[in-house]
């Protein structure tokens, strides 16, 4: 069975070090919500792939994510409780969709898992760096500062592991080097593009004023942009296909 989770070279080549404005926590509650969801995603996504990863080193990494992020999640919950802040009980729709796709995908899922982890750790490092520097709650700032080195270590590990993760196969042809879109786009699938990367990819396709980007429950980034002086809805799927005029 062919693996529909294959990510294209466009996705893999795009830098994951974008600073994401939407992830910059402005308040203590904002930080707790985003950090908790990110931590739960690390644990849940790593648990569902334990028996579906081919590379042993990547499997060990997944186990480390369960252990390290499980401990960090517990510490965050304790601090949040002391600060009278609310911790979300479950993932948001976008992260839950990514976990569900990993759960239902045929093995091996090395590449989609690795790419999702790369994106997740880019987001986490940016979030924790920002709050450690500019956060409004001393206890949470200390937590962010203490946790950041571990997140950066994870980020370095997954960047190296992702380069050798088996890609698997796809039931739908990936985007070609010529830049041609897949005619069936936008395609649902586990999308490792961060918001900043999605915006950059859409701009590279010739659009300007990209705004209101949001990843839907099918893993497709959707927003609005302008081209030739006209505003239009745009979508970016996990393969890197950019499609205009679709909602």
C-alpha atoms as a PDB file:
ATOM      1  CA  UNK A   1       0.000   0.000   0.000  1.00  0.00           C
ATOM      2  CA  UNK A   2       1.394   3.341  -0.947  1.00  0.00           C
ATOM      3  CA  UNK A   3       1.898   5.986   1.694  1.00  0.00           C
ATOM      4  CA  UNK A   4      -0.124   9.158   1.106  1.00  0.00           C
ATOM      5  CA  UNK A   5       1.973  11.065   3.628  1.00  0.00           C
ATOM      6  CA  UNK A   6       4.989  11.690   1.403  1.00  0.00           C
ATOM      7  CA  UNK A   7       6.237  15.263   1.667  1.00  0.00           C
ATOM      8  CA  UNK A   8       7.893  16.961  -1.269  1.00  0.00           C
ATOM      9  CA  UNK A   9      11.315  18.480  -1.572  1.00  0.00           C
ATOM     10  CA  UNK A  10       9.713  21.919  -1.332  1.00  0.00           C
ATOM     11  CA  UNK A  11       8.478  21.152   2.163  1.00  0.00           C
ATOM     12  CA  UNK A  12      11.716  19.510   3.227  1.00  0.00           C
ATOM     13  CA  UNK A  13      13.967  22.216   1.813  1.00  0.00           C
ATOM     14  CA  UNK A  14      12.103  25.123   3.391  1.00  0.00           C
ATOM     15  CA  UNK A  15      13.811  26.410   6.525  1.00  0.00           C
ATOM     16  CA  UNK A  16      12.025  25.593   9.760  1.00  0.00           C
ATOM     17  CA  UNK A  17      13.541  28.508  11.631  1.00  0.00           C
ATOM     18  CA  UNK A  18      10.830  31.060  10.812  1.00  0.00           C
ATOM     19  CA  UNK A  19       9.749  33.318  13.641  1.00  0.00           C
ATOM     20  CA  UNK A  20       6.002  32.871  13.779  1.00  0.00           C
ATOM     21  CA  UNK A  21       4.142  35.966  14.980  1.00  0.00           C
ATOM     22  CA  UNK A  22       1.055  33.895  15.803  1.00  0.00           C
ATOM     23  CA  UNK A  23       3.105  31.851  18.272  1.00  0.00           C
ATOM     24  CA  UNK A  24       4.472  34.787  20.232  1.00  0.00           C
ATOM     25  CA  UNK A  25       2.674  34.445  23.545  1.00  0.00           C
ATOM     26  CA  UNK A  26       1.491  37.855  24.743  1.00  0.00           C
ATOM     27  CA  UNK A  27       0.081  36.719  28.087  1.00  0.00           C
ATOM     28  CA  UNK A  28       0.749  34.002  30.630  1.00  0.00           C
ATOM     29  CA  UNK A  29      -2.489  32.233  29.713  1.00  0.00           C
ATOM     30  CA  UNK A  30      -1.598  32.405  26.027  1.00  0.00           C
ATOM     31  CA  UNK A  31       1.771  30.787  26.721  1.00  0.00           C
ATOM     32  CA  UNK A  32       0.267  28.045  28.895  1.00  0.00           C
ATOM     33  CA  UNK A  33      -2.329  27.173  26.259  1.00  0.00           C
ATOM     34  CA  UNK A  34       0.148  26.985  23.380  1.00  0.00           C
ATOM     35  CA  UNK A  35       2.884  25.246  25.358  1.00  0.00           C
ATOM     36  CA  UNK A  36       0.454  22.667  26.733  1.00  0.00           C
ATOM     37  CA  UNK A  37      -1.028  21.870  23.322  1.00  0.00           C
ATOM     38  CA  UNK A  38       2.447  21.601  21.824  1.00  0.00           C
ATOM     39  CA  UNK A  39       3.591  19.316  24.620  1.00  0.00           C
ATOM     40  CA  UNK A  40       0.535  17.080  24.362  1.00  0.00           C
ATOM     41  CA  UNK A  41       1.057  16.832  20.616  1.00  0.00           C
ATOM     42  CA  UNK A  42       4.650  15.683  21.114  1.00  0.00           C
ATOM     43  CA  UNK A  43       3.538  12.912  23.463  1.00  0.00           C
ATOM     44  CA  UNK A  44       0.454  11.767  21.559  1.00  0.00           C
ATOM     45  CA  UNK A  45       2.053  11.826  18.107  1.00  0.00           C
ATOM     46  CA  UNK A  46       5.049   9.891  19.431  1.00  0.00           C
ATOM     47  CA  UNK A  47       2.893   7.262  21.104  1.00  0.00           C
ATOM     48  CA  UNK A  48       0.854   6.451  17.993  1.00  0.00           C
ATOM     49  CA  UNK A  49       3.937   5.834  15.831  1.00  0.00           C
ATOM     50  CA  UNK A  50       5.868   3.547  18.182  1.00  0.00           C
ATOM     51  CA  UNK A  51       5.024   0.412  16.193  1.00  0.00           C
ATOM     52  CA  UNK A  52       5.023   2.117  12.795  1.00  0.00           C
ATOM     53  CA  UNK A  53       8.549   3.555  12.649  1.00  0.00           C
ATOM     54  CA  UNK A  54      11.171   1.676  10.671  1.00  0.00           C
ATOM     55  CA  UNK A  55      14.359   3.405  11.841  1.00  0.00           C
ATOM     56  CA  UNK A  56      15.391   2.396  15.365  1.00  0.00           C
ATOM     57  CA  UNK A  57      17.089   5.720  16.102  1.00  0.00           C
ATOM     58  CA  UNK A  58      13.916   7.598  15.190  1.00  0.00           C
ATOM     59  CA  UNK A  59      11.913   5.165  17.310  1.00  0.00           C
ATOM     60  CA  UNK A  60      14.228   5.945  20.236  1.00  0.00           C
ATOM     61  CA  UNK A  61      13.664   9.642  19.568  1.00  0.00           C
ATOM     62  CA  UNK A  62       9.900   9.122  19.744  1.00  0.00           C
ATOM     63  CA  UNK A  63      10.280   7.395  23.101  1.00  0.00           C
ATOM     64  CA  UNK A  64      12.398  10.301  24.330  1.00  0.00           C
ATOM     65  CA  UNK A  65       9.659  12.720  23.279  1.00  0.00           C
ATOM     66  CA  UNK A  66       7.146  10.790  25.369  1.00  0.00           C
ATOM     67  CA  UNK A  67       9.440  10.909  28.393  1.00  0.00           C
ATOM     68  CA  UNK A  68      10.814  14.457  28.108  1.00  0.00           C
ATOM     69  CA  UNK A  69       7.615  16.187  27.072  1.00  0.00           C
ATOM     70  CA  UNK A  70       5.572  14.155  29.519  1.00  0.00           C
ATOM     71  CA  UNK A  71       7.741  15.499  32.337  1.00  0.00           C
ATOM     72  CA  UNK A  72       7.631  19.058  30.979  1.00  0.00           C
ATOM     73  CA  UNK A  73       3.850  18.868  30.593  1.00  0.00           C
ATOM     74  CA  UNK A  74       3.461  17.809  34.222  1.00  0.00           C
ATOM     75  CA  UNK A  75       5.689  20.658  35.402  1.00  0.00           C
ATOM     76  CA  UNK A  76       3.800  23.191  33.296  1.00  0.00           C
ATOM     77  CA  UNK A  77       0.485  21.969  34.675  1.00  0.00           C
ATOM     78  CA  UNK A  78       1.780  22.347  38.230  1.00  0.00           C
ATOM     79  CA  UNK A  79       3.040  25.897  37.654  1.00  0.00           C
ATOM     80  CA  UNK A  80      -0.152  26.871  35.833  1.00  0.00           C
ATOM     81  CA  UNK A  81      -2.201  25.606  38.764  1.00  0.00           C
ATOM     82  CA  UNK A  82      -0.174  27.691  41.191  1.00  0.00           C
ATOM     83  CA  UNK A  83      -0.691  30.738  38.966  1.00  0.00           C
ATOM     84  CA  UNK A  84      -4.448  30.108  38.651  1.00  0.00           C
ATOM     85  CA  UNK A  85      -4.177  29.560  34.895  1.00  0.00           C
ATOM     86  CA  UNK A  86      -6.143  27.105  32.771  1.00  0.00           C
ATOM     87  CA  UNK A  87      -4.443  24.160  31.053  1.00  0.00           C
ATOM     88  CA  UNK A  88      -6.262  22.764  27.990  1.00  0.00           C
ATOM     89  CA  UNK A  89      -7.465  19.207  28.461  1.00  0.00           C
ATOM     90  CA  UNK A  90      -6.941  18.123  24.858  1.00  0.00           C
ATOM     91  CA  UNK A  91      -5.396  19.065  21.528  1.00  0.00           C
ATOM     92  CA  UNK A  92      -6.868  21.666  19.229  1.00  0.00           C
ATOM     93  CA  UNK A  93      -8.448  20.509  15.960  1.00  0.00           C
ATOM     94  CA  UNK A  94      -5.350  21.016  13.813  1.00  0.00           C
ATOM     95  CA  UNK A  95      -2.981  19.018  16.038  1.00  0.00           C
ATOM     96  CA  UNK A  96      -5.590  16.319  16.611  1.00  0.00           C
ATOM     97  CA  UNK A  97      -5.982  15.959  12.854  1.00  0.00           C
ATOM     98  CA  UNK A  98      -2.226  15.413  12.459  1.00  0.00           C
ATOM     99  CA  UNK A  99      -2.220  12.757  15.182  1.00  0.00           C
ATOM    100  CA  UNK A 100      -5.206  11.007  13.596  1.00  0.00           C
ATOM    101  CA  UNK A 101      -3.478  10.958  10.209  1.00  0.00           C
ATOM    102  CA  UNK A 102      -0.366   9.376  11.713  1.00  0.00           C
ATOM    103  CA  UNK A 103      -2.559   6.855  13.495  1.00  0.00           C
ATOM    104  CA  UNK A 104      -4.393   5.800  10.329  1.00  0.00           C
ATOM    105  CA  UNK A 105      -1.404   5.894   7.956  1.00  0.00           C
ATOM    106  CA  UNK A 106       0.184   2.619   6.857  1.00  0.00           C
ATOM    107  CA  UNK A 107       3.696   1.900   8.118  1.00  0.00           C
ATOM    108  CA  UNK A 108       6.353   3.119   7.833  1.00  0.00           C
ATOM    109  CA  UNK A 109       5.547   6.660   8.955  1.00  0.00           C
ATOM    110  CA  UNK A 110       9.143   7.732   9.538  1.00  0.00           C
ATOM    111  CA  UNK A 111       9.117  10.677   7.136  1.00  0.00           C
ATOM    112  CA  UNK A 112       5.756  12.255   8.018  1.00  0.00           C
ATOM    113  CA  UNK A 113       6.478  11.835  11.731  1.00  0.00           C
ATOM    114  CA  UNK A 114       9.957  13.329  11.403  1.00  0.00           C
ATOM    115  CA  UNK A 115       8.732  16.297   9.377  1.00  0.00           C
ATOM    116  CA  UNK A 116       5.892  17.004  11.781  1.00  0.00           C
ATOM    117  CA  UNK A 117       8.383  16.873  14.646  1.00  0.00           C
ATOM    118  CA  UNK A 118      10.679  19.315  12.843  1.00  0.00           C
ATOM    119  CA  UNK A 119       7.830  21.781  12.447  1.00  0.00           C
ATOM    120  CA  UNK A 120       6.577  21.253  16.003  1.00  0.00           C
ATOM    121  CA  UNK A 121      10.004  21.881  17.511  1.00  0.00           C
ATOM    122  CA  UNK A 122      10.545  24.975  15.375  1.00  0.00           C
ATOM    123  CA  UNK A 123       7.266  26.288  16.778  1.00  0.00           C
ATOM    124  CA  UNK A 124       8.144  25.290  20.343  1.00  0.00           C
ATOM    125  CA  UNK A 125      11.621  26.824  20.306  1.00  0.00           C
ATOM    126  CA  UNK A 126      10.212  30.090  18.972  1.00  0.00           C
ATOM    127  CA  UNK A 127       7.423  30.128  21.565  1.00  0.00           C
ATOM    128  CA  UNK A 128       9.703  29.374  24.518  1.00  0.00           C
ATOM    129  CA  UNK A 129      12.449  31.761  23.371  1.00  0.00           C
ATOM    130  CA  UNK A 130       9.946  34.573  23.015  1.00  0.00           C
ATOM    131  CA  UNK A 131       8.328  34.004  26.390  1.00  0.00           C
ATOM    132  CA  UNK A 132      11.633  33.472  28.199  1.00  0.00           C
ATOM    133  CA  UNK A 133      12.669  36.906  26.960  1.00  0.00           C
ATOM    134  CA  UNK A 134       9.453  38.923  27.084  1.00  0.00           C
ATOM    135  CA  UNK A 135       6.988  36.915  29.186  1.00  0.00           C
ATOM    136  CA  UNK A 136       4.768  38.581  31.776  1.00  0.00           C
ATOM    137  CA  UNK A 137       4.884  35.875  34.484  1.00  0.00           C
ATOM    138  CA  UNK A 138       8.170  35.236  36.381  1.00  0.00           C
ATOM    139  CA  UNK A 139       7.395  31.591  37.199  1.00  0.00           C
ATOM    140  CA  UNK A 140       6.511  30.768  33.603  1.00  0.00           C
ATOM    141  CA  UNK A 141       9.487  32.746  32.282  1.00  0.00           C
ATOM    142  CA  UNK A 142      11.743  30.601  34.462  1.00  0.00           C
ATOM    143  CA  UNK A 143      10.034  27.450  33.179  1.00  0.00           C
ATOM    144  CA  UNK A 144      10.491  28.597  29.578  1.00  0.00           C
ATOM    145  CA  UNK A 145      14.181  29.349  30.160  1.00  0.00           C
ATOM    146  CA  UNK A 146      14.800  26.008  31.876  1.00  0.00           C
ATOM    147  CA  UNK A 147      12.975  23.998  29.201  1.00  0.00           C
ATOM    148  CA  UNK A 148      14.419  25.777  26.163  1.00  0.00           C
ATOM    149  CA  UNK A 149      17.801  23.943  26.081  1.00  0.00           C
ATOM    150  CA  UNK A 150      15.995  20.588  25.976  1.00  0.00           C
ATOM    151  CA  UNK A 151      13.758  21.781  23.143  1.00  0.00           C
ATOM    152  CA  UNK A 152      16.786  22.960  21.183  1.00  0.00           C
ATOM    153  CA  UNK A 153      18.459  19.599  21.745  1.00  0.00           C
ATOM    154  CA  UNK A 154      15.336  17.855  20.423  1.00  0.00           C
ATOM    155  CA  UNK A 155      15.294  20.206  17.442  1.00  0.00           C
ATOM    156  CA  UNK A 156      18.900  19.405  16.587  1.00  0.00           C
ATOM    157  CA  UNK A 157      18.240  15.672  16.912  1.00  0.00           C
ATOM    158  CA  UNK A 158      15.176  15.622  14.668  1.00  0.00           C
ATOM    159  CA  UNK A 159      16.783  17.801  12.007  1.00  0.00           C
ATOM    160  CA  UNK A 160      19.527  15.201  11.663  1.00  0.00           C
ATOM    161  CA  UNK A 161      17.179  12.213  11.841  1.00  0.00           C
ATOM    162  CA  UNK A 162      14.749  13.623   9.283  1.00  0.00           C
ATOM    163  CA  UNK A 163      17.389  13.596   6.558  1.00  0.00           C
ATOM    164  CA  UNK A 164      17.564   9.802   6.652  1.00  0.00           C
ATOM    165  CA  UNK A 165      13.940   8.982   7.486  1.00  0.00           C
ATOM    166  CA  UNK A 166      12.405   6.597   4.907  1.00  0.00           C
ATOM    167  CA  UNK A 167      10.074   8.603   2.715  1.00  0.00           C
ATOM    168  CA  UNK A 168       7.667   5.822   1.818  1.00  0.00           C
ATOM    169  CA  UNK A 169       5.497   6.193  -1.251  1.00  0.00           C
ATOM    170  CA  UNK A 170       2.519   8.321  -2.136  1.00  0.00           C
ATOM    171  CA  UNK A 171      -0.728   7.506  -3.885  1.00  0.00           C
ATOM    172  CA  UNK A 172      -0.613  10.982  -5.410  1.00  0.00           C
ATOM    173  CA  UNK A 173       2.379  12.307  -7.374  1.00  0.00           C
ATOM    174  CA  UNK A 174       4.374  14.929  -5.534  1.00  0.00           C
ATOM    175  CA  UNK A 175       5.034  18.391  -6.890  1.00  0.00           C
ATOM    176  CA  UNK A 176       7.654  18.236  -9.616  1.00  0.00           C
ATOM    177  CA  UNK A 177      10.768  20.364  -9.786  1.00  0.00           C
ATOM    178  CA  UNK A 178       9.152  22.336 -12.599  1.00  0.00           C
ATOM    179  CA  UNK A 179       6.808  23.864 -10.028  1.00  0.00           C
ATOM    180  CA  UNK A 180       3.662  22.395 -11.599  1.00  0.00           C
ATOM    181  CA  UNK A 181       0.746  21.829  -9.268  1.00  0.00           C
ATOM    182  CA  UNK A 182      -0.782  18.428  -8.781  1.00  0.00           C
ATOM    183  CA  UNK A 183      -4.087  18.613 -10.705  1.00  0.00           C
ATOM    184  CA  UNK A 184      -5.966  17.175  -7.712  1.00  0.00           C
ATOM    185  CA  UNK A 185      -4.712  19.891  -5.343  1.00  0.00           C
ATOM    186  CA  UNK A 186      -5.267  20.955  -2.651  1.00  0.00           C
ATOM    187  CA  UNK A 187      -4.663  17.507  -1.180  1.00  0.00           C
ATOM    188  CA  UNK A 188      -5.441  16.474   2.409  1.00  0.00           C
ATOM    189  CA  UNK A 189      -2.550  15.087   4.440  1.00  0.00           C
ATOM    190  CA  UNK A 190      -0.238  15.641   7.403  1.00  0.00           C
ATOM    191  CA  UNK A 191       1.141  19.101   6.713  1.00  0.00           C
ATOM    192  CA  UNK A 192       4.536  19.990   8.205  1.00  0.00           C
ATOM    193  CA  UNK A 193       4.537  23.556   6.864  1.00  0.00           C
ATOM    194  CA  UNK A 194       4.541  26.143   9.635  1.00  0.00           C
ATOM    195  CA  UNK A 195       2.494  29.302   9.141  1.00  0.00           C
ATOM    196  CA  UNK A 196       5.596  31.253   8.160  1.00  0.00           C
ATOM    197  CA  UNK A 197       6.635  28.596   5.669  1.00  0.00           C
ATOM    198  CA  UNK A 198       3.146  28.450   4.176  1.00  0.00           C
ATOM    199  CA  UNK A 199       3.148  32.215   3.677  1.00  0.00           C
ATOM    200  CA  UNK A 200       6.595  32.081   2.075  1.00  0.00           C
ATOM    201  CA  UNK A 201       5.587  29.264  -0.286  1.00  0.00           C
ATOM    202  CA  UNK A 202       2.470  31.150  -1.388  1.00  0.00           C
ATOM    203  CA  UNK A 203       4.514  34.295  -1.982  1.00  0.00           C
ATOM    204  CA  UNK A 204       7.017  32.300  -4.054  1.00  0.00           C
ATOM    205  CA  UNK A 205       4.085  31.193  -6.207  1.00  0.00           C
ATOM    206  CA  UNK A 206       3.567  34.833  -7.186  1.00  0.00           C
ATOM    207  CA  UNK A 207       1.092  36.080  -4.586  1.00  0.00           C
ATOM    208  CA  UNK A 208       1.308  39.116  -2.318  1.00  0.00           C
ATOM    209  CA  UNK A 209      -0.473  40.374   0.797  1.00  0.00           C
ATOM    210  CA  UNK A 210      -0.888  36.841   2.163  1.00  0.00           C
ATOM    211  CA  UNK A 211      -3.035  36.971   5.287  1.00  0.00           C
ATOM    212  CA  UNK A 212      -5.497  35.136   7.558  1.00  0.00           C
ATOM    213  CA  UNK A 213      -3.692  31.815   7.139  1.00  0.00           C
ATOM    214  CA  UNK A 214      -5.206  28.947   9.084  1.00  0.00           C
ATOM    215  CA  UNK A 215      -4.645  25.197   8.767  1.00  0.00           C
ATOM    216  CA  UNK A 216      -7.932  23.307   8.470  1.00  0.00           C
ATOM    217  CA  UNK A 217      -8.773  19.841   9.770  1.00  0.00           C
ATOM    218  CA  UNK A 218      -7.543  18.295   6.505  1.00  0.00           C
ATOM    219  CA  UNK A 219      -4.050  19.722   6.941  1.00  0.00           C
ATOM    220  CA  UNK A 220      -4.513  22.427   4.280  1.00  0.00           C
ATOM    221  CA  UNK A 221      -3.378  25.990   4.927  1.00  0.00           C
ATOM    222  CA  UNK A 222      -6.050  28.447   3.734  1.00  0.00           C
ATOM    223  CA  UNK A 223      -6.070  32.226   3.609  1.00  0.00           C
ATOM    224  CA  UNK A 224      -6.315  35.184   1.271  1.00  0.00           C
ATOM    225  CA  UNK A 225      -3.780  36.823  -1.028  1.00  0.00           C
ATOM    226  CA  UNK A 226      -3.600  39.109  -4.026  1.00  0.00           C
ATOM    227  CA  UNK A 227      -2.286  38.570  -7.531  1.00  0.00           C
ATOM    228  CA  UNK A 228      -2.452  40.917 -10.499  1.00  0.00           C
ATOM    229  CA  UNK A 229      -4.201  43.418  -8.265  1.00  0.00           C
ATOM    230  CA  UNK A 230      -7.032  41.059  -7.347  1.00  0.00           C
ATOM    231  CA  UNK A 231      -7.740  39.460  -3.969  1.00  0.00           C
ATOM    232  CA  UNK A 232      -8.425  35.729  -3.941  1.00  0.00           C
ATOM    233  CA  UNK A 233      -8.680  32.806  -1.516  1.00  0.00           C
ATOM    234  CA  UNK A 234      -5.550  30.630  -1.578  1.00  0.00           C
ATOM    235  CA  UNK A 235      -4.681  27.186  -0.264  1.00  0.00           C
ATOM    236  CA  UNK A 236      -1.412  25.325   0.333  1.00  0.00           C
ATOM    237  CA  UNK A 237      -1.404  21.554   0.839  1.00  0.00           C
ATOM    238  CA  UNK A 238       1.181  19.214   2.356  1.00  0.00           C
ATOM    239  CA  UNK A 239       2.826  18.668  -1.030  1.00  0.00           C
ATOM    240  CA  UNK A 240       3.440  22.381  -1.495  1.00  0.00           C
ATOM    241  CA  UNK A 241       0.728  22.868  -4.110  1.00  0.00           C
ATOM    242  CA  UNK A 242      -0.593  26.448  -4.117  1.00  0.00           C
ATOM    243  CA  UNK A 243      -4.157  26.778  -5.376  1.00  0.00           C
ATOM    244  CA  UNK A 244      -6.174  29.970  -5.801  1.00  0.00           C
ATOM    245  CA  UNK A 245      -9.914  30.478  -5.710  1.00  0.00           C
ATOM    246  CA  UNK A 246     -10.665  27.589  -3.359  1.00  0.00           C
ATOM    247  CA  UNK A 247     -12.271  27.679   0.068  1.00  0.00           C
END
